[in-house]
Amino acid sequence: MEKSIKKYILNLGIISGVLLAISVLMYLTILEPWFNYIFPFVILYFFLLSSFQHYKLLNSVKNNPRVFNTNYMAWFGIKLFAHLSFVIVYVLLDRANALSFVLYFGFCYIVYTAYDVVTLSNTLRSGNVK
């Protein structure tokens, strides 16, 4: 399991780096009027939350595989609440940049969620949890 967590974090770091590089290029050229300085922190937020969730879920499978579905749904709810709270607080604090923030946050949510689901599914299918 230790190897799968390290691989997950390495790949998540690569995805985060690529996403950051593409964002910087896009927002410094074509989308310059919509750039917001919080965008790199959004990537850091997703990186940290996804890493922690993956670690906790793999530990729950290792300790008791029967409770994995419950833990997965609980983590899904926690993440959804955290995301929603983060978006609402930001939109209330900075209404002028709300649209660009929500679009960027939504794009990051799709990228990180897709990677989380695919990686977790592949890890559980391969049986490399123990």
C-alpha atoms as a PDB file:
ATOM      1  CA  MET A   1       0.000   0.000   0.000  1.00  0.00           C
ATOM      2  CA  GLU A   2       2.834   2.361   0.759  1.00  0.00           C
ATOM      3  CA  LYS A   3       3.975   2.109  -2.844  1.00  0.00           C
ATOM      4  CA  SER A   4       0.504   2.903  -4.202  1.00  0.00           C
ATOM      5  CA  ILE A   5       0.200   5.998  -2.004  1.00  0.00           C
ATOM      6  CA  LYS A   6       3.610   7.280  -3.099  1.00  0.00           C
ATOM      7  CA  LYS A   7       2.725   6.651  -6.749  1.00  0.00           C
ATOM      8  CA  TYR A   8      -0.626   8.400  -6.286  1.00  0.00           C
ATOM      9  CA  ILE A   9       0.980  11.481  -4.718  1.00  0.00           C
ATOM     10  CA  LEU A  10       3.679  11.599  -7.393  1.00  0.00           C
ATOM     11  CA  ASN A  11       1.104  11.404 -10.198  1.00  0.00           C
ATOM     12  CA  LEU A  12      -1.125  13.918  -8.432  1.00  0.00           C
ATOM     13  CA  GLY A  13       1.863  16.251  -8.163  1.00  0.00           C
ATOM     14  CA  ILE A  14       2.527  15.863 -11.885  1.00  0.00           C
ATOM     15  CA  ILE A  15      -1.126  16.608 -12.690  1.00  0.00           C
ATOM     16  CA  SER A  16      -1.013  19.635 -10.383  1.00  0.00           C
ATOM     17  CA  GLY A  17       2.195  20.898 -11.991  1.00  0.00           C
ATOM     18  CA  VAL A  18       0.816  20.493 -15.508  1.00  0.00           C
ATOM     19  CA  LEU A  19      -2.435  22.159 -14.502  1.00  0.00           C
ATOM     20  CA  LEU A  20      -0.502  25.030 -12.919  1.00  0.00           C
ATOM     21  CA  ALA A  21       1.719  25.460 -15.979  1.00  0.00           C
ATOM     22  CA  ILE A  22      -1.240  25.458 -18.367  1.00  0.00           C
ATOM     23  CA  SER A  23      -3.099  27.894 -16.119  1.00  0.00           C
ATOM     24  CA  VAL A  24      -0.160  30.285 -15.958  1.00  0.00           C
ATOM     25  CA  LEU A  25       0.294  30.189 -19.732  1.00  0.00           C
ATOM     26  CA  MET A  26      -3.392  30.691 -20.413  1.00  0.00           C
ATOM     27  CA  TYR A  27      -3.932  33.428 -17.847  1.00  0.00           C
ATOM     28  CA  LEU A  28      -0.812  35.365 -18.769  1.00  0.00           C
ATOM     29  CA  THR A  29      -1.684  35.398 -22.468  1.00  0.00           C
ATOM     30  CA  ILE A  30      -5.201  34.781 -23.733  1.00  0.00           C
ATOM     31  CA  LEU A  31      -7.221  34.961 -20.509  1.00  0.00           C
ATOM     32  CA  GLU A  32      -5.287  37.743 -18.785  1.00  0.00           C
ATOM     33  CA  PRO A  33      -8.358  39.828 -17.799  1.00  0.00           C
ATOM     34  CA  TRP A  34      -9.771  36.881 -15.850  1.00  0.00           C
ATOM     35  CA  PHE A  35      -6.614  35.960 -13.926  1.00  0.00           C
ATOM     36  CA  ASN A  36      -6.921  35.747 -10.173  1.00  0.00           C
ATOM     37  CA  TYR A  37      -4.071  35.268  -7.709  1.00  0.00           C
ATOM     38  CA  ILE A  38      -5.962  32.621  -5.768  1.00  0.00           C
ATOM     39  CA  PHE A  39      -5.793  30.106  -8.651  1.00  0.00           C
ATOM     40  CA  PRO A  40      -2.501  28.461  -7.531  1.00  0.00           C
ATOM     41  CA  PHE A  41      -3.980  28.047  -4.053  1.00  0.00           C
ATOM     42  CA  VAL A  42      -6.977  26.268  -5.565  1.00  0.00           C
ATOM     43  CA  ILE A  43      -4.593  23.697  -7.032  1.00  0.00           C
ATOM     44  CA  LEU A  44      -2.827  23.342  -3.673  1.00  0.00           C
ATOM     45  CA  TYR A  45      -6.200  22.935  -1.937  1.00  0.00           C
ATOM     46  CA  PHE A  46      -7.222  20.120  -4.296  1.00  0.00           C
ATOM     47  CA  PHE A  47      -3.801  18.464  -4.042  1.00  0.00           C
ATOM     48  CA  LEU A  48      -3.829  18.392  -0.240  1.00  0.00           C
ATOM     49  CA  LEU A  49      -7.450  17.327   0.122  1.00  0.00           C
ATOM     50  CA  SER A  50      -7.179  14.596  -2.513  1.00  0.00           C
ATOM     51  CA  SER A  51      -3.949  13.216  -1.036  1.00  0.00           C
ATOM     52  CA  PHE A  52      -5.390  13.073   2.453  1.00  0.00           C
ATOM     53  CA  GLN A  53      -8.605  11.449   1.252  1.00  0.00           C
ATOM     54  CA  HIS A  54      -6.759   8.801  -0.768  1.00  0.00           C
ATOM     55  CA  TYR A  55      -4.509   7.960   2.186  1.00  0.00           C
ATOM     56  CA  LYS A  56      -7.444   7.622   4.582  1.00  0.00           C
ATOM     57  CA  LEU A  57      -9.502   5.533   2.155  1.00  0.00           C
ATOM     58  CA  LEU A  58      -6.673   3.085   1.496  1.00  0.00           C
ATOM     59  CA  ASN A  59      -6.078   2.763   5.228  1.00  0.00           C
ATOM     60  CA  SER A  60      -9.758   2.029   5.771  1.00  0.00           C
ATOM     61  CA  VAL A  61      -9.670  -0.722   3.137  1.00  0.00           C
ATOM     62  CA  LYS A  62      -6.574  -2.199   4.755  1.00  0.00           C
ATOM     63  CA  ASN A  63      -8.094  -2.157   8.238  1.00  0.00           C
ATOM     64  CA  ASN A  64     -11.624  -3.303   7.391  1.00  0.00           C
ATOM     65  CA  PRO A  65     -12.658  -3.772   3.744  1.00  0.00           C
ATOM     66  CA  ARG A  66     -16.335  -4.058   4.686  1.00  0.00           C
ATOM     67  CA  VAL A  67     -16.609  -0.416   5.708  1.00  0.00           C
ATOM     68  CA  PHE A  68     -14.991   0.956   2.555  1.00  0.00           C
ATOM     69  CA  ASN A  69     -18.290   1.951   0.904  1.00  0.00           C
ATOM     70  CA  THR A  70     -19.406   3.822   4.001  1.00  0.00           C
ATOM     71  CA  ASN A  71     -16.059   5.590   4.284  1.00  0.00           C
ATOM     72  CA  TYR A  72     -16.032   6.457   0.599  1.00  0.00           C
ATOM     73  CA  MET A  73     -19.489   8.015   0.789  1.00  0.00           C
ATOM     74  CA  ALA A  74     -18.539   9.870   3.981  1.00  0.00           C
ATOM     75  CA  TRP A  75     -15.419  11.288   2.303  1.00  0.00           C
ATOM     76  CA  PHE A  76     -17.425  12.224  -0.746  1.00  0.00           C
ATOM     77  CA  GLY A  77     -19.836  14.179   1.465  1.00  0.00           C
ATOM     78  CA  ILE A  78     -17.015  15.826   3.411  1.00  0.00           C
ATOM     79  CA  LYS A  79     -15.243  16.897   0.232  1.00  0.00           C
ATOM     80  CA  LEU A  80     -18.441  18.180  -1.332  1.00  0.00           C
ATOM     81  CA  PHE A  81     -19.209  20.234   1.775  1.00  0.00           C
ATOM     82  CA  ALA A  82     -15.629  21.576   1.899  1.00  0.00           C
ATOM     83  CA  HIS A  83     -15.735  22.518  -1.795  1.00  0.00           C
ATOM     84  CA  LEU A  84     -19.095  24.198  -1.495  1.00  0.00           C
ATOM     85  CA  SER A  85     -18.010  26.122   1.611  1.00  0.00           C
ATOM     86  CA  PHE A  86     -14.796  27.249  -0.080  1.00  0.00           C
ATOM     87  CA  VAL A  87     -16.646  28.481  -3.159  1.00  0.00           C
ATOM     88  CA  ILE A  88     -19.367  30.274  -1.183  1.00  0.00           C
ATOM     89  CA  VAL A  89     -16.879  32.049   1.085  1.00  0.00           C
ATOM     90  CA  TYR A  90     -14.755  33.172  -1.849  1.00  0.00           C
ATOM     91  CA  VAL A  91     -17.721  34.355  -3.913  1.00  0.00           C
ATOM     92  CA  LEU A  92     -19.065  36.352  -0.967  1.00  0.00           C
ATOM     93  CA  LEU A  93     -15.663  37.965  -0.362  1.00  0.00           C
ATOM     94  CA  ASP A  94     -14.837  38.793  -3.986  1.00  0.00           C
ATOM     95  CA  ARG A  95     -17.931  39.168  -6.126  1.00  0.00           C
ATOM     96  CA  ALA A  96     -16.038  40.920  -8.933  1.00  0.00           C
ATOM     97  CA  ASN A  97     -14.000  37.790  -9.737  1.00  0.00           C
ATOM     98  CA  ALA A  98     -16.654  35.241  -8.820  1.00  0.00           C
ATOM     99  CA  LEU A  99     -17.379  33.925 -12.308  1.00  0.00           C
ATOM    100  CA  SER A 100     -13.751  33.238 -13.244  1.00  0.00           C
ATOM    101  CA  PHE A 101     -13.153  31.633  -9.859  1.00  0.00           C
ATOM    102  CA  VAL A 102     -16.182  29.348 -10.074  1.00  0.00           C
ATOM    103  CA  LEU A 103     -15.283  28.256 -13.617  1.00  0.00           C
ATOM    104  CA  TYR A 104     -11.672  27.553 -12.656  1.00  0.00           C
ATOM    105  CA  PHE A 105     -12.706  25.750  -9.475  1.00  0.00           C
ATOM    106  CA  GLY A 106     -15.195  23.640 -11.439  1.00  0.00           C
ATOM    107  CA  PHE A 107     -12.552  22.685 -13.987  1.00  0.00           C
ATOM    108  CA  CYS A 108     -10.129  21.679 -11.228  1.00  0.00           C
ATOM    109  CA  TYR A 109     -12.887  19.721  -9.498  1.00  0.00           C
ATOM    110  CA  ILE A 110     -13.543  17.698 -12.652  1.00  0.00           C
ATOM    111  CA  VAL A 111      -9.832  16.973 -13.233  1.00  0.00           C
ATOM    112  CA  TYR A 112      -9.051  15.938  -9.659  1.00  0.00           C
ATOM    113  CA  THR A 113     -12.259  13.956  -9.156  1.00  0.00           C
ATOM    114  CA  ALA A 114     -11.736  12.011 -12.376  1.00  0.00           C
ATOM    115  CA  TYR A 115      -8.182  11.185 -11.349  1.00  0.00           C
ATOM    116  CA  ASP A 116      -9.298  10.182  -7.826  1.00  0.00           C
ATOM    117  CA  VAL A 117     -11.992   7.832  -9.079  1.00  0.00           C
ATOM    118  CA  VAL A 118      -9.844   6.176 -11.748  1.00  0.00           C
ATOM    119  CA  THR A 119      -6.853   5.705  -9.452  1.00  0.00           C
ATOM    120  CA  LEU A 120      -8.859   4.406  -6.522  1.00  0.00           C
ATOM    121  CA  SER A 121     -10.759   2.016  -8.767  1.00  0.00           C
ATOM    122  CA  ASN A 122      -7.553   0.681 -10.337  1.00  0.00           C
ATOM    123  CA  THR A 123      -5.868   0.299  -6.949  1.00  0.00           C
ATOM    124  CA  LEU A 124      -8.774  -1.633  -5.472  1.00  0.00           C
ATOM    125  CA  ARG A 125      -9.114  -3.876  -8.538  1.00  0.00           C
ATOM    126  CA  SER A 126      -5.418  -4.713  -8.574  1.00  0.00           C
ATOM    127  CA  GLY A 127      -5.513  -5.845  -4.950  1.00  0.00           C
ATOM    128  CA  ASN A 128      -2.426  -3.801  -3.970  1.00  0.00           C
ATOM    129  CA  VAL A 129      -4.083  -2.571  -0.822  1.00  0.00           C
ATOM    130  CA  LYS A 130      -2.495  -4.821   1.788  1.00  0.00           C
END
